[in-house]
Structure formats: structure tokens, C-alpha cells
PDB file of N, CA and C in Angstrom:
ATOM      1  N   MET A   1      59.424  92.156  86.440  1.00  0.00           N
ATOM      2  CA  MET A   1      60.129  93.321  85.621  1.00  0.00           C
ATOM      3  C   MET A   1      60.064  92.958  84.289  1.00  0.00           C
ATOM      4  N   ALA A   2      59.473  93.930  83.411  1.00  0.00           N
ATOM      5  CA  ALA A   2      59.251  93.662  81.895  1.00  0.00           C
ATOM      6  C   ALA A   2      60.334  94.493  81.288  1.00  0.00           C
ATOM      7  N   LYS A   3      60.352  94.177  79.915  1.00  0.00           N
ATOM      8  CA  LYS A   3      61.264  95.181  78.993  1.00  0.00           C
ATOM      9  C   LYS A   3      60.344  95.653  77.884  1.00  0.00           C
ATOM     10  N   VAL A   4      60.448  96.883  77.633  1.00  0.00           N
ATOM     11  CA  VAL A   4      59.672  97.586  76.745  1.00  0.00           C
ATOM     12  C   VAL A   4      60.421  98.273  75.650  1.00  0.00           C
ATOM     13  N   GLY A   5      60.051  98.109  74.396  1.00  0.00           N
ATOM     14  CA  GLY A   5      60.953  98.827  73.517  1.00  0.00           C
ATOM     15  C   GLY A   5      60.075  99.883  72.647  1.00  0.00           C
ATOM     16  N   ILE A   6      60.530 101.128  72.474  1.00  0.00           N
ATOM     17  CA  ILE A   6      59.588 102.009  71.666  1.00  0.00           C
ATOM     18  C   ILE A   6      60.245 102.746  70.654  1.00  0.00           C
ATOM     19  N   VAL A   7      59.832 102.355  69.425  1.00  0.00           N
ATOM     20  CA  VAL A   7      60.299 103.116  68.358  1.00  0.00           C
ATOM     21  C   VAL A   7      59.558 104.377  68.207  1.00  0.00           C
ATOM     22  N   LEU A   8      60.368 105.480  68.178  1.00  0.00           N
ATOM     23  CA  LEU A   8      59.913 106.760  67.937  1.00  0.00           C
ATOM     24  C   LEU A   8      60.249 107.364  66.678  1.00  0.00           C
ATOM     25  N   GLY A   9      59.294 107.497  65.658  1.00  0.00           N
ATOM     26  CA  GLY A   9      59.771 107.706  64.256  1.00  0.00           C
ATOM     27  C   GLY A   9      59.202 109.150  63.919  1.00  0.00           C
ATOM     28  N   THR A  10      58.710 110.082  64.779  1.00  0.00           N
ATOM     29  CA  THR A  10      58.020 111.176  64.621  1.00  0.00           C
ATOM     30  C   THR A  10      58.663 112.187  65.542  1.00  0.00           C
ATOM     31  N   ASN A  11      58.424 113.488  65.098  1.00  0.00           N
ATOM     32  CA  ASN A  11      58.739 114.530  65.995  1.00  0.00           C
ATOM     33  C   ASN A  11      57.542 115.330  66.379  1.00  0.00           C
ATOM     34  N   GLU A  12      56.262 114.765  65.997  1.00  0.00           N
ATOM     35  CA  GLU A  12      55.097 115.595  66.405  1.00  0.00           C
ATOM     36  C   GLU A  12      55.060 115.828  67.904  1.00  0.00           C
ATOM     37  N   LEU A  13      54.760 116.875  68.540  1.00  0.00           N
ATOM     38  CA  LEU A  13      54.971 117.114  70.017  1.00  0.00           C
ATOM     39  C   LEU A  13      53.926 116.216  70.925  1.00  0.00           C
ATOM     40  N   SER A  14      52.888 116.151  70.455  1.00  0.00           N
ATOM     41  CA  SER A  14      51.929 115.234  71.216  1.00  0.00           C
ATOM     42  C   SER A  14      52.396 113.730  71.410  1.00  0.00           C
ATOM     43  N   LYS A  15      53.007 113.341  70.256  1.00  0.00           N
ATOM     44  CA  LYS A  15      53.315 111.816  70.229  1.00  0.00           C
ATOM     45  C   LYS A  15      54.765 111.874  70.924  1.00  0.00           C
ATOM     46  N   VAL A  16      55.588 112.741  71.047  1.00  0.00           N
ATOM     47  CA  VAL A  16      56.798 112.735  71.905  1.00  0.00           C
ATOM     48  C   VAL A  16      56.424 112.702  73.190  1.00  0.00           C
ATOM     49  N   LEU A  17      55.433 113.652  73.624  1.00  0.00           N
ATOM     50  CA  LEU A  17      54.934 113.741  75.080  1.00  0.00           C
ATOM     51  C   LEU A  17      54.443 112.341  75.265  1.00  0.00           C
ATOM     52  N   TYR A  18      53.583 111.615  74.532  1.00  0.00           N
ATOM     53  CA  TYR A  18      53.175 110.355  74.893  1.00  0.00           C
ATOM     54  C   TYR A  18      53.996 109.473  75.140  1.00  0.00           C
ATOM     55  N   THR A  19      55.180 109.508  74.334  1.00  0.00           N
ATOM     56  CA  THR A  19      56.317 108.491  74.497  1.00  0.00           C
ATOM     57  C   THR A  19      57.066 108.829  75.836  1.00  0.00           C
ATOM     58  N   GLY A  20      57.233 110.142  76.271  1.00  0.00           N
ATOM     59  CA  GLY A  20      57.949 110.395  77.394  1.00  0.00           C
ATOM     60  C   GLY A  20      56.974 110.036  78.535  1.00  0.00           C
ATOM     61  N   MET A  21      55.703 109.927  78.361  1.00  0.00           N
ATOM     62  CA  MET A  21      54.929 109.440  79.645  1.00  0.00           C
ATOM     63  C   MET A  21      54.996 108.134  79.766  1.00  0.00           C
ATOM     64  N   TRP A  22      54.813 107.347  78.662  1.00  0.00           N
ATOM     65  CA  TRP A  22      54.971 106.097  78.763  1.00  0.00           C
ATOM     66  C   TRP A  22      56.165 105.570  79.124  1.00  0.00           C
ATOM     67  N   ALA A  23      57.234 106.248  78.994  1.00  0.00           N
ATOM     68  CA  ALA A  23      58.612 105.834  79.477  1.00  0.00           C
ATOM     69  C   ALA A  23      58.767 106.105  81.082  1.00  0.00           C
ATOM     70  N   VAL A  24      58.286 107.199  81.453  1.00  0.00           N
ATOM     71  CA  VAL A  24      58.245 107.377  82.932  1.00  0.00           C
ATOM     72  C   VAL A  24      57.258 106.554  83.895  1.00  0.00           C
ATOM     73  N   ILE A  25      56.094 106.183  83.234  1.00  0.00           N
ATOM     74  CA  ILE A  25      55.141 105.331  84.062  1.00  0.00           C
ATOM     75  C   ILE A  25      55.955 103.916  84.037  1.00  0.00           C
ATOM     76  N   SER A  26      56.225 103.445  82.887  1.00  0.00           N
ATOM     77  CA  SER A  26      56.942 102.168  82.891  1.00  0.00           C
ATOM     78  C   SER A  26      58.265 102.046  83.706  1.00  0.00           C
ATOM     79  N   THR A  27      59.001 102.987  83.590  1.00  0.00           N
ATOM     80  CA  THR A  27      60.246 102.907  84.531  1.00  0.00           C
ATOM     81  C   THR A  27      60.113 102.972  86.052  1.00  0.00           C
ATOM     82  N   SER A  28      58.784 103.645  86.422  1.00  0.00           N
ATOM     83  CA  SER A  28      58.521 104.103  87.685  1.00  0.00           C
ATOM     84  C   SER A  28      57.978 102.663  88.351  1.00  0.00           C
ATOM     85  N   MET A  29      57.372 101.892  87.276  1.00  0.00           N
ATOM     86  CA  MET A  29      56.873 100.772  87.754  1.00  0.00           C
ATOM     87  C   MET A  29      57.829  99.390  87.821  1.00  0.00           C
ATOM     88  N   GLY A  30      59.006  99.706  87.591  1.00  0.00           N
ATOM     89  CA  GLY A  30      60.158  98.745  87.415  1.00  0.00           C
ATOM     90  C   GLY A  30      60.431  98.143  86.123  1.00  0.00           C
ATOM     91  N   ASP A  31      59.932  98.734  85.027  1.00  0.00           N
ATOM     92  CA  ASP A  31      60.223  98.087  83.778  1.00  0.00           C
ATOM     93  C   ASP A  31      61.445  98.795  83.203  1.00  0.00           C
ATOM     94  N   GLU A  32      62.233  97.881  82.217  1.00  0.00           N
ATOM     95  CA  GLU A  32      63.531  98.523  81.632  1.00  0.00           C
ATOM     96  C   GLU A  32      62.711  99.177  80.252  1.00  0.00           C
ATOM     97  N   VAL A  33      63.077 100.368  79.804  1.00  0.00           N
ATOM     98  CA  VAL A  33      62.623 101.085  78.672  1.00  0.00           C
ATOM     99  C   VAL A  33      63.844 101.312  77.813  1.00  0.00           C
ATOM    100  N   ILE A  34      63.604 100.920  76.405  1.00  0.00           N
ATOM    101  CA  ILE A  34      64.520 101.313  75.430  1.00  0.00           C
ATOM    102  C   ILE A  34      63.907 101.927  74.273  1.00  0.00           C
ATOM    103  N   ILE A  35      64.176 103.210  74.093  1.00  0.00           N
ATOM    104  CA  ILE A  35      63.764 104.025  73.050  1.00  0.00           C
ATOM    105  C   ILE A  35      64.713 104.209  71.889  1.00  0.00           C
ATOM    106  N   PHE A  36      64.219 103.913  70.544  1.00  0.00           N
ATOM    107  CA  PHE A  36      64.933 103.846  69.482  1.00  0.00           C
ATOM    108  C   PHE A  36      64.342 105.015  68.720  1.00  0.00           C
ATOM    109  N   ALA A  37      65.090 106.158  68.779  1.00  0.00           N
ATOM    110  CA  ALA A  37      64.462 107.347  67.881  1.00  0.00           C
ATOM    111  C   ALA A  37      64.995 107.229  66.618  1.00  0.00           C
ATOM    112  N   THR A  38      64.346 107.209  65.580  1.00  0.00           N
ATOM    113  CA  THR A  38      64.411 107.116  64.165  1.00  0.00           C
ATOM    114  C   THR A  38      63.823 108.026  63.227  1.00  0.00           C
ATOM    115  N   MET A  39      64.274 108.427  62.084  1.00  0.00           N
ATOM    116  CA  MET A  39      63.710 109.301  61.144  1.00  0.00           C
ATOM    117  C   MET A  39      63.617 110.730  61.855  1.00  0.00           C
ATOM    118  N   ASP A  40      62.424 111.120  61.755  1.00  0.00           N
ATOM    119  CA  ASP A  40      62.272 112.464  62.421  1.00  0.00           C
ATOM    120  C   ASP A  40      62.287 112.437  63.861  1.00  0.00           C
ATOM    121  N   GLY A  41      62.006 111.233  64.432  1.00  0.00           N
ATOM    122  CA  GLY A  41      62.213 111.311  65.917  1.00  0.00           C
ATOM    123  C   GLY A  41      63.628 111.621  66.315  1.00  0.00           C
ATOM    124  N   VAL A  42      64.579 111.501  65.524  1.00  0.00           N
ATOM    125  CA  VAL A  42      65.985 111.941  66.040  1.00  0.00           C
ATOM    126  C   VAL A  42      66.257 113.355  66.314  1.00  0.00           C
ATOM    127  N   LYS A  43      65.178 114.270  65.665  1.00  0.00           N
ATOM    128  CA  LYS A  43      65.161 115.755  65.828  1.00  0.00           C
ATOM    129  C   LYS A  43      64.703 116.179  67.160  1.00  0.00           C
ATOM    130  N   VAL A  44      63.832 115.529  67.877  1.00  0.00           N
ATOM    131  CA  VAL A  44      63.556 115.704  69.292  1.00  0.00           C
ATOM    132  C   VAL A  44      64.670 116.006  70.178  1.00  0.00           C
ATOM    133  N   PHE A  45      65.736 115.074  69.842  1.00  0.00           N
ATOM    134  CA  PHE A  45      66.926 114.968  71.000  1.00  0.00           C
ATOM    135  C   PHE A  45      68.095 115.815  70.476  1.00  0.00           C
ATOM    136  N   LEU A  46      67.964 116.925  69.785  1.00  0.00           N
ATOM    137  CA  LEU A  46      69.035 117.585  69.200  1.00  0.00           C
ATOM    138  C   LEU A  46      69.182 118.621  70.651  1.00  0.00           C
ATOM    139  N   LYS A  47      70.784 118.901  70.751  1.00  0.00           N
ATOM    140  CA  LYS A  47      71.075 119.588  71.751  1.00  0.00           C
ATOM    141  C   LYS A  47      70.728 121.208  71.471  1.00  0.00           C
ATOM    142  N   GLU A  48      70.855 121.571  70.540  1.00  0.00           N
ATOM    143  CA  GLU A  48      70.364 122.850  70.196  1.00  0.00           C
ATOM    144  C   GLU A  48      69.360 123.024  69.187  1.00  0.00           C
ATOM    145  N   ASN A  49      68.326 123.658  69.452  1.00  0.00           N
ATOM    146  CA  ASN A  49      67.072 123.726  68.753  1.00  0.00           C
ATOM    147  C   ASN A  49      66.285 122.572  68.236  1.00  0.00           C
ATOM    148  N   PRO A  50      65.887 121.772  69.362  1.00  0.00           N
ATOM    149  CA  PRO A  50      65.116 120.480  69.065  1.00  0.00           C
ATOM    150  C   PRO A  50      63.998 120.990  67.781  1.00  0.00           C
ATOM    151  N   ASP A  51      63.854 120.084  67.116  1.00  0.00           N
ATOM    152  CA  ASP A  51      62.663 120.233  66.053  1.00  0.00           C
ATOM    153  C   ASP A  51      61.504 119.384  66.418  1.00  0.00           C
ATOM    154  N   LEU A  52      60.399 120.212  66.692  1.00  0.00           N
ATOM    155  CA  LEU A  52      59.076 119.466  67.056  1.00  0.00           C
ATOM    156  C   LEU A  52      58.151 120.177  66.382  1.00  0.00           C
ATOM    157  N   LYS A  53      57.400 119.282  65.714  1.00  0.00           N
ATOM    158  CA  LYS A  53      56.335 119.854  64.896  1.00  0.00           C
ATOM    159  C   LYS A  53      54.985 119.686  65.821  1.00  0.00           C
ATOM    160  N   VAL A  54      54.343 120.882  65.370  1.00  0.00           N
ATOM    161  CA  VAL A  54      52.906 121.130  66.009  1.00  0.00           C
ATOM    162  C   VAL A  54      51.914 121.346  65.029  1.00  0.00           C
ATOM    163  N   THR A  55      51.459 120.140  64.606  1.00  0.00           N
ATOM    164  CA  THR A  55      50.377 120.098  63.409  1.00  0.00           C
ATOM    165  C   THR A  55      48.956 119.631  63.902  1.00  0.00           C
ATOM    166  N   ASP A  56      48.913 118.760  64.978  1.00  0.00           N
ATOM    167  CA  ASP A  56      47.646 118.252  65.397  1.00  0.00           C
ATOM    168  C   ASP A  56      47.122 119.098  66.546  1.00  0.00           C
ATOM    169  N   GLU A  57      45.914 119.004  66.849  1.00  0.00           N
ATOM    170  CA  GLU A  57      45.253 119.825  67.855  1.00  0.00           C
ATOM    171  C   GLU A  57      45.671 119.524  69.532  1.00  0.00           C
ATOM    172  N   ALA A  58      46.238 118.157  69.687  1.00  0.00           N
ATOM    173  CA  ALA A  58      46.800 117.978  70.865  1.00  0.00           C
ATOM    174  C   ALA A  58      48.039 118.594  71.243  1.00  0.00           C
ATOM    175  N   SER A  59      48.832 118.602  69.914  1.00  0.00           N
ATOM    176  CA  SER A  59      50.135 119.372  69.777  1.00  0.00           C
ATOM    177  C   SER A  59      50.036 120.805  70.286  1.00  0.00           C
ATOM    178  N   LYS A  60      48.960 121.349  69.534  1.00  0.00           N
ATOM    179  CA  LYS A  60      48.989 122.888  69.822  1.00  0.00           C
ATOM    180  C   LYS A  60      48.444 123.109  71.378  1.00  0.00           C
ATOM    181  N   LYS A  61      47.615 122.438  71.916  1.00  0.00           N
ATOM    182  CA  LYS A  61      47.251 122.518  73.393  1.00  0.00           C
ATOM    183  C   LYS A  61      48.580 122.344  74.177  1.00  0.00           C
ATOM    184  N   VAL A  62      49.427 121.416  74.065  1.00  0.00           N
ATOM    185  CA  VAL A  62      50.620 121.084  74.860  1.00  0.00           C
ATOM    186  C   VAL A  62      51.466 122.408  74.507  1.00  0.00           C
ATOM    187  N   LEU A  63      51.694 122.924  73.371  1.00  0.00           N
ATOM    188  CA  LEU A  63      52.400 124.061  73.252  1.00  0.00           C
ATOM    189  C   LEU A  63      52.088 125.300  74.132  1.00  0.00           C
ATOM    190  N   GLU A  64      50.692 125.465  73.919  1.00  0.00           N
ATOM    191  CA  GLU A  64      50.016 126.520  74.904  1.00  0.00           C
ATOM    192  C   GLU A  64      50.343 126.382  76.290  1.00  0.00           C
ATOM    193  N   ALA A  65      50.274 125.211  76.690  1.00  0.00           N
ATOM    194  CA  ALA A  65      50.567 124.898  78.228  1.00  0.00           C
ATOM    195  C   ALA A  65      52.154 125.052  78.417  1.00  0.00           C
ATOM    196  N   LYS A  66      52.950 125.119  77.447  1.00  0.00           N
ATOM    197  CA  LYS A  66      54.399 125.255  77.522  1.00  0.00           C
ATOM    198  C   LYS A  66      54.920 124.127  78.590  1.00  0.00           C
ATOM    199  N   GLU A  67      54.356 122.925  78.208  1.00  0.00           N
ATOM    200  CA  GLU A  67      54.944 121.763  78.953  1.00  0.00           C
ATOM    201  C   GLU A  67      56.344 121.469  78.452  1.00  0.00           C
ATOM    202  N   ASP A  68      57.193 121.010  79.480  1.00  0.00           N
ATOM    203  CA  ASP A  68      58.750 120.580  79.091  1.00  0.00           C
ATOM    204  C   ASP A  68      58.515 119.176  78.961  1.00  0.00           C
ATOM    205  N   ILE A  69      58.327 118.883  77.692  1.00  0.00           N
ATOM    206  CA  ILE A  69      58.153 117.507  77.284  1.00  0.00           C
ATOM    207  C   ILE A  69      59.362 116.519  77.547  1.00  0.00           C
ATOM    208  N   LEU A  70      60.554 117.095  77.555  1.00  0.00           N
ATOM    209  CA  LEU A  70      61.774 116.344  77.762  1.00  0.00           C
ATOM    210  C   LEU A  70      62.141 116.035  79.429  1.00  0.00           C
ATOM    211  N   SER A  71      61.219 116.548  80.199  1.00  0.00           N
ATOM    212  CA  SER A  71      61.342 116.457  81.488  1.00  0.00           C
ATOM    213  C   SER A  71      60.884 115.006  81.841  1.00  0.00           C
ATOM    214  N   TYR A  72      59.951 114.530  81.122  1.00  0.00           N
ATOM    215  CA  TYR A  72      59.438 113.174  81.209  1.00  0.00           C
ATOM    216  C   TYR A  72      60.387 112.252  80.946  1.00  0.00           C
ATOM    217  N   TYR A  73      61.267 112.373  79.975  1.00  0.00           N
ATOM    218  CA  TYR A  73      62.516 111.478  79.700  1.00  0.00           C
ATOM    219  C   TYR A  73      63.423 111.632  80.777  1.00  0.00           C
ATOM    220  N   ARG A  74      63.743 112.975  81.280  1.00  0.00           N
ATOM    221  CA  ARG A  74      64.696 112.958  82.357  1.00  0.00           C
ATOM    222  C   ARG A  74      64.417 112.249  83.569  1.00  0.00           C
ATOM    223  N   LYS A  75      63.080 112.363  83.959  1.00  0.00           N
ATOM    224  CA  LYS A  75      62.522 111.521  85.210  1.00  0.00           C
ATOM    225  C   LYS A  75      62.614 110.140  84.939  1.00  0.00           C
ATOM    226  N   ALA A  76      62.390 109.586  83.761  1.00  0.00           N
ATOM    227  CA  ALA A  76      62.759 108.170  83.540  1.00  0.00           C
ATOM    228  C   ALA A  76      64.348 107.979  83.800  1.00  0.00           C
ATOM    229  N   LYS A  77      64.901 108.463  82.982  1.00  0.00           N
ATOM    230  CA  LYS A  77      66.438 108.447  83.123  1.00  0.00           C
ATOM    231  C   LYS A  77      66.903 108.327  84.586  1.00  0.00           C
ATOM    232  N   LYS A  78      66.375 109.061  85.552  1.00  0.00           N
ATOM    233  CA  LYS A  78      66.943 109.011  86.778  1.00  0.00           C
ATOM    234  C   LYS A  78      66.601 107.806  87.384  1.00  0.00           C
ATOM    235  N   THR A  79      65.672 107.039  86.943  1.00  0.00           N
ATOM    236  CA  THR A  79      65.497 105.609  87.662  1.00  0.00           C
ATOM    237  C   THR A  79      66.410 104.823  87.287  1.00  0.00           C
ATOM    238  N   GLY A  80      67.369 104.881  86.089  1.00  0.00           N
ATOM    239  CA  GLY A  80      68.382 104.154  85.709  1.00  0.00           C
ATOM    240  C   GLY A  80      67.809 102.931  84.726  1.00  0.00           C
ATOM    241  N   LYS A  81      66.610 103.093  84.583  1.00  0.00           N
ATOM    242  CA  LYS A  81      65.642 101.944  83.506  1.00  0.00           C
ATOM    243  C   LYS A  81      65.683 102.362  82.288  1.00  0.00           C
ATOM    244  N   LEU A  82      65.998 103.525  81.736  1.00  0.00           N
ATOM    245  CA  LEU A  82      65.556 104.134  80.512  1.00  0.00           C
ATOM    246  C   LEU A  82      67.008 104.191  79.716  1.00  0.00           C
ATOM    247  N   LYS A  83      67.054 103.620  78.582  1.00  0.00           N
ATOM    248  CA  LYS A  83      68.059 103.927  77.574  1.00  0.00           C
ATOM    249  C   LYS A  83      67.312 104.599  76.130  1.00  0.00           C
ATOM    250  N   ILE A  84      68.057 105.437  75.815  1.00  0.00           N
ATOM    251  CA  ILE A  84      67.624 106.120  74.556  1.00  0.00           C
ATOM    252  C   ILE A  84      68.641 106.135  73.509  1.00  0.00           C
ATOM    253  N   TYR A  85      68.235 105.508  72.370  1.00  0.00           N
ATOM    254  CA  TYR A  85      69.326 105.408  71.148  1.00  0.00           C
ATOM    255  C   TYR A  85      68.729 106.218  70.167  1.00  0.00           C
ATOM    256  N   ALA A  86      69.711 106.928  69.203  1.00  0.00           N
ATOM    257  CA  ALA A  86      69.394 107.610  68.003  1.00  0.00           C
ATOM    258  C   ALA A  86      69.818 106.397  67.164  1.00  0.00           C
ATOM    259  N   CYS A  87      68.948 106.387  66.026  1.00  0.00           N
ATOM    260  CA  CYS A  87      69.176 105.651  64.762  1.00  0.00           C
ATOM    261  C   CYS A  87      70.293 106.014  64.042  1.00  0.00           C
ATOM    262  N   SER A  88      71.251 105.088  63.655  1.00  0.00           N
ATOM    263  CA  SER A  88      72.411 105.399  63.119  1.00  0.00           C
ATOM    264  C   SER A  88      72.170 105.856  61.632  1.00  0.00           C
ATOM    265  N   TYR A  89      71.102 105.395  60.809  1.00  0.00           N
ATOM    266  CA  TYR A  89      70.877 105.574  59.599  1.00  0.00           C
ATOM    267  C   TYR A  89      70.097 107.136  59.573  1.00  0.00           C
ATOM    268  N   ALA A  90      69.162 107.445  60.546  1.00  0.00           N
ATOM    269  CA  ALA A  90      68.485 108.865  60.540  1.00  0.00           C
ATOM    270  C   ALA A  90      69.760 109.715  60.918  1.00  0.00           C
ATOM    271  N   THR A  91      70.714 109.436  61.869  1.00  0.00           N
ATOM    272  CA  THR A  91      71.688 110.488  62.037  1.00  0.00           C
ATOM    273  C   THR A  91      72.540 110.726  60.937  1.00  0.00           C
ATOM    274  N   LYS A  92      73.022 109.712  60.150  1.00  0.00           N
ATOM    275  CA  LYS A  92      73.755 109.936  58.999  1.00  0.00           C
ATOM    276  C   LYS A  92      72.865 110.641  57.833  1.00  0.00           C
ATOM    277  N   LEU A  93      71.605 110.315  57.781  1.00  0.00           N
ATOM    278  CA  LEU A  93      70.628 111.095  56.899  1.00  0.00           C
ATOM    279  C   LEU A  93      70.651 112.691  57.242  1.00  0.00           C
ATOM    280  N   PHE A  94      70.357 113.115  58.285  1.00  0.00           N
ATOM    281  CA  PHE A  94      70.322 114.249  58.545  1.00  0.00           C
ATOM    282  C   PHE A  94      71.643 115.182  58.998  1.00  0.00           C
ATOM    283  N   GLY A  95      72.979 114.293  58.605  1.00  0.00           N
ATOM    284  CA  GLY A  95      74.056 114.899  58.781  1.00  0.00           C
ATOM    285  C   GLY A  95      74.533 115.153  60.302  1.00  0.00           C
ATOM    286  N   LEU A  96      74.050 114.365  61.211  1.00  0.00           N
ATOM    287  CA  LEU A  96      74.360 114.482  62.653  1.00  0.00           C
ATOM    288  C   LEU A  96      75.387 113.774  63.162  1.00  0.00           C
ATOM    289  N   GLU A  97      76.002 113.995  64.381  1.00  0.00           N
ATOM    290  CA  GLU A  97      76.828 113.312  65.151  1.00  0.00           C
ATOM    291  C   GLU A  97      76.485 113.283  66.519  1.00  0.00           C
ATOM    292  N   LYS A  98      77.239 112.414  67.383  1.00  0.00           N
ATOM    293  CA  LYS A  98      76.994 112.150  68.699  1.00  0.00           C
ATOM    294  C   LYS A  98      76.746 113.576  69.475  1.00  0.00           C
ATOM    295  N   GLY A  99      77.786 114.535  68.948  1.00  0.00           N
ATOM    296  CA  GLY A  99      77.752 115.836  69.653  1.00  0.00           C
ATOM    297  C   GLY A  99      76.589 116.810  69.470  1.00  0.00           C
ATOM    298  N   ASN A 100      75.851 116.309  68.458  1.00  0.00           N
ATOM    299  CA  ASN A 100      74.609 117.259  68.140  1.00  0.00           C
ATOM    300  C   ASN A 100      73.504 116.880  69.112  1.00  0.00           C
ATOM    301  N   TYR A 101      73.623 115.818  69.791  1.00  0.00           N
ATOM    302  CA  TYR A 101      72.273 115.302  70.510  1.00  0.00           C
ATOM    303  C   TYR A 101      72.634 115.643  71.983  1.00  0.00           C
ATOM    304  N   ASP A 102      71.277 115.798  72.645  1.00  0.00           N
ATOM    305  CA  ASP A 102      71.223 116.040  73.967  1.00  0.00           C
ATOM    306  C   ASP A 102      71.767 115.129  74.756  1.00  0.00           C
ATOM    307  N   ASP A 103      72.254 115.149  76.138  1.00  0.00           N
ATOM    308  CA  ASP A 103      72.753 113.921  76.798  1.00  0.00           C
ATOM    309  C   ASP A 103      71.699 113.141  77.137  1.00  0.00           C
ATOM    310  N   LEU A 104      70.447 112.968  76.808  1.00  0.00           N
ATOM    311  CA  LEU A 104      69.593 112.023  76.895  1.00  0.00           C
ATOM    312  C   LEU A 104      70.068 110.723  76.116  1.00  0.00           C
ATOM    313  N   ILE A 105      70.575 111.052  74.986  1.00  0.00           N
ATOM    314  CA  ILE A 105      70.921 109.950  74.111  1.00  0.00           C
ATOM    315  C   ILE A 105      72.078 108.987  74.534  1.00  0.00           C
ATOM    316  N   ASP A 106      71.870 107.901  74.701  1.00  0.00           N
ATOM    317  CA  ASP A 106      72.977 106.933  75.180  1.00  0.00           C
ATOM    318  C   ASP A 106      74.082 106.565  74.022  1.00  0.00           C
ATOM    319  N   ASP A 107      73.418 106.326  73.054  1.00  0.00           N
ATOM    320  CA  ASP A 107      74.347 106.048  72.158  1.00  0.00           C
ATOM    321  C   ASP A 107      73.522 105.852  70.679  1.00  0.00           C
ATOM    322  N   ILE A 108      74.474 106.022  69.420  1.00  0.00           N
ATOM    323  CA  ILE A 108      73.975 105.914  68.259  1.00  0.00           C
ATOM    324  C   ILE A 108      74.127 104.400  67.659  1.00  0.00           C
ATOM    325  N   VAL A 109      72.995 103.859  67.377  1.00  0.00           N
ATOM    326  CA  VAL A 109      72.860 102.329  67.154  1.00  0.00           C
ATOM    327  C   VAL A 109      71.977 102.019  66.028  1.00  0.00           C
ATOM    328  N   GLY A 110      72.274 101.070  65.156  1.00  0.00           N
ATOM    329  CA  GLY A 110      71.283 100.599  64.153  1.00  0.00           C
ATOM    330  C   GLY A 110      70.210  99.818  64.750  1.00  0.00           C
ATOM    331  N   ILE A 111      69.145  99.472  63.931  1.00  0.00           N
ATOM    332  CA  ILE A 111      68.090  98.795  64.227  1.00  0.00           C
ATOM    333  C   ILE A 111      68.215  97.533  64.777  1.00  0.00           C
ATOM    334  N   THR A 112      69.223  96.907  64.239  1.00  0.00           N
ATOM    335  CA  THR A 112      69.597  95.415  64.665  1.00  0.00           C
ATOM    336  C   THR A 112      70.127  95.378  65.876  1.00  0.00           C
ATOM    337  N   THR A 113      70.946  96.330  66.556  1.00  0.00           N
ATOM    338  CA  THR A 113      71.325  96.372  67.871  1.00  0.00           C
ATOM    339  C   THR A 113      70.228  96.754  68.720  1.00  0.00           C
ATOM    340  N   PHE A 114      69.226  97.535  68.356  1.00  0.00           N
ATOM    341  CA  PHE A 114      68.121  97.966  69.123  1.00  0.00           C
ATOM    342  C   PHE A 114      67.200  96.399  69.373  1.00  0.00           C
ATOM    343  N   GLN A 115      67.071  95.792  68.212  1.00  0.00           N
ATOM    344  CA  GLN A 115      66.231  94.646  68.421  1.00  0.00           C
ATOM    345  C   GLN A 115      66.803  93.605  69.109  1.00  0.00           C
ATOM    346  N   MET A 116      68.338  93.466  69.012  1.00  0.00           N
ATOM    347  CA  MET A 116      68.934  92.277  69.822  1.00  0.00           C
ATOM    348  C   MET A 116      68.817  92.671  71.191  1.00  0.00           C
ATOM    349  N   GLU A 117      68.767  93.894  71.610  1.00  0.00           N
ATOM    350  CA  GLU A 117      68.811  94.224  73.004  1.00  0.00           C
ATOM    351  C   GLU A 117      67.356  94.007  73.656  1.00  0.00           C
ATOM    352  N   LEU A 118      66.537  93.888  72.731  1.00  0.00           N
ATOM    353  CA  LEU A 118      65.106  93.779  73.237  1.00  0.00           C
ATOM    354  C   LEU A 118      64.752  92.105  73.814  1.00  0.00           C
ATOM    355  N   GLU A 119      65.385  91.319  72.971  1.00  0.00           N
ATOM    356  CA  GLU A 119      65.085  89.919  73.344  1.00  0.00           C
ATOM    357  C   GLU A 119      63.672  89.674  73.561  1.00  0.00           C
ATOM    358  N   GLY A 120      62.833  89.875  72.605  1.00  0.00           N
ATOM    359  CA  GLY A 120      61.335  89.505  72.469  1.00  0.00           C
ATOM    360  C   GLY A 120      60.473  90.298  73.463  1.00  0.00           C
ATOM    361  N   ALA A 121      60.955  91.182  73.764  1.00  0.00           N
ATOM    362  CA  ALA A 121      60.087  92.410  74.614  1.00  0.00           C
ATOM    363  C   ALA A 121      58.955  93.004  73.880  1.00  0.00           C
ATOM    364  N   GLN A 122      58.051  93.482  74.441  1.00  0.00           N
ATOM    365  CA  GLN A 122      56.855  94.225  73.834  1.00  0.00           C
ATOM    366  C   GLN A 122      57.770  95.516  73.337  1.00  0.00           C
ATOM    367  N   ILE A 123      57.069  95.798  71.917  1.00  0.00           N
ATOM    368  CA  ILE A 123      57.447  96.993  71.244  1.00  0.00           C
ATOM    369  C   ILE A 123      56.332  97.808  70.877  1.00  0.00           C
ATOM    370  N   LEU A 124      56.686  99.027  71.184  1.00  0.00           N
ATOM    371  CA  LEU A 124      55.381  99.920  70.629  1.00  0.00           C
ATOM    372  C   LEU A 124      56.023 100.778  69.546  1.00  0.00           C
ATOM    373  N   SER A 125      55.224 101.069  68.766  1.00  0.00           N
ATOM    374  CA  SER A 125      55.616 102.149  67.517  1.00  0.00           C
ATOM    375  C   SER A 125      54.902 103.245  67.565  1.00  0.00           C
ATOM    376  N   ILE A 126      55.560 104.344  67.526  1.00  0.00           N
ATOM    377  CA  ILE A 126      54.856 105.620  67.608  1.00  0.00           C
ATOM    378  C   ILE A 126      55.547 106.562  66.281  1.00  0.00           C
ATOM    379  N   TRP A 127      54.386 106.817  65.384  1.00  0.00           N
ATOM    380  CA  TRP A 127      54.773 107.608  64.146  1.00  0.00           C
ATOM    381  C   TRP A 127      54.030 108.766  64.025  1.00  0.00           C
TER     382      TRP A 127
END
């Protein structure tokens, strides 16, 4: 069983979908996954009106297919092996609080907390 950290720094629909797919596959294989949503990535997990950009061709296709991208994160959460953290700096930057986030968000933490929890695990960075 491995541990994987994912830094999600974008709200581009195709990249958010890719991150969710990676999380659900990794957790289903028994890996622990920790996602650190930062900068525009925190906007994905807003309780009301999640902000997803649709600028690349893949995102346009996903939008046309009306894919529920957060369902991947919810499936991964059901395994008990996924944690999703919102970046404390980005949360402050956008004037957000814990109550603004969907229940997928486990906590608001800084990057140091995220890195300490990874203990040398593989890290993917998606921007």
C-alpha cells in the first residue's frame, strides 16, 4: 500500500476530472491519497456554485457529456483512503471559510501540514 499526494492548483474541468479519476483508481487499489487543493483548485470544492473553467478541448467534451466529476471524488472517499485539504492561503485569498466548502473537504491546512503528512510519498502536481 502506497501513499500518493496530489496538488490540484487549477479549476480546469479536464484536469479536475483527471485528478478525480487518479484518486478513485489509486484508492481502489488500496493506496492512500491526499489531495491538496490550492489557488484556483479550491474553487472546485465550493458548496454553492463550484467554479470550473472550460477552456481546453477536453473540458468542452466533458461539459457536453454532462459528466459529474465530483462523483469520482465521492467514490474515492467511500473507500476511506482519500483526504482532501483546502489550502489555507488560497482560502484566505478568496475570502472563504470551511462552511463555503463541500463536505468533500476534510480540513483547511497549510502546505507544510500537507507535506508532513506525505512523509516522502509520490507527489503529482496538476496545474
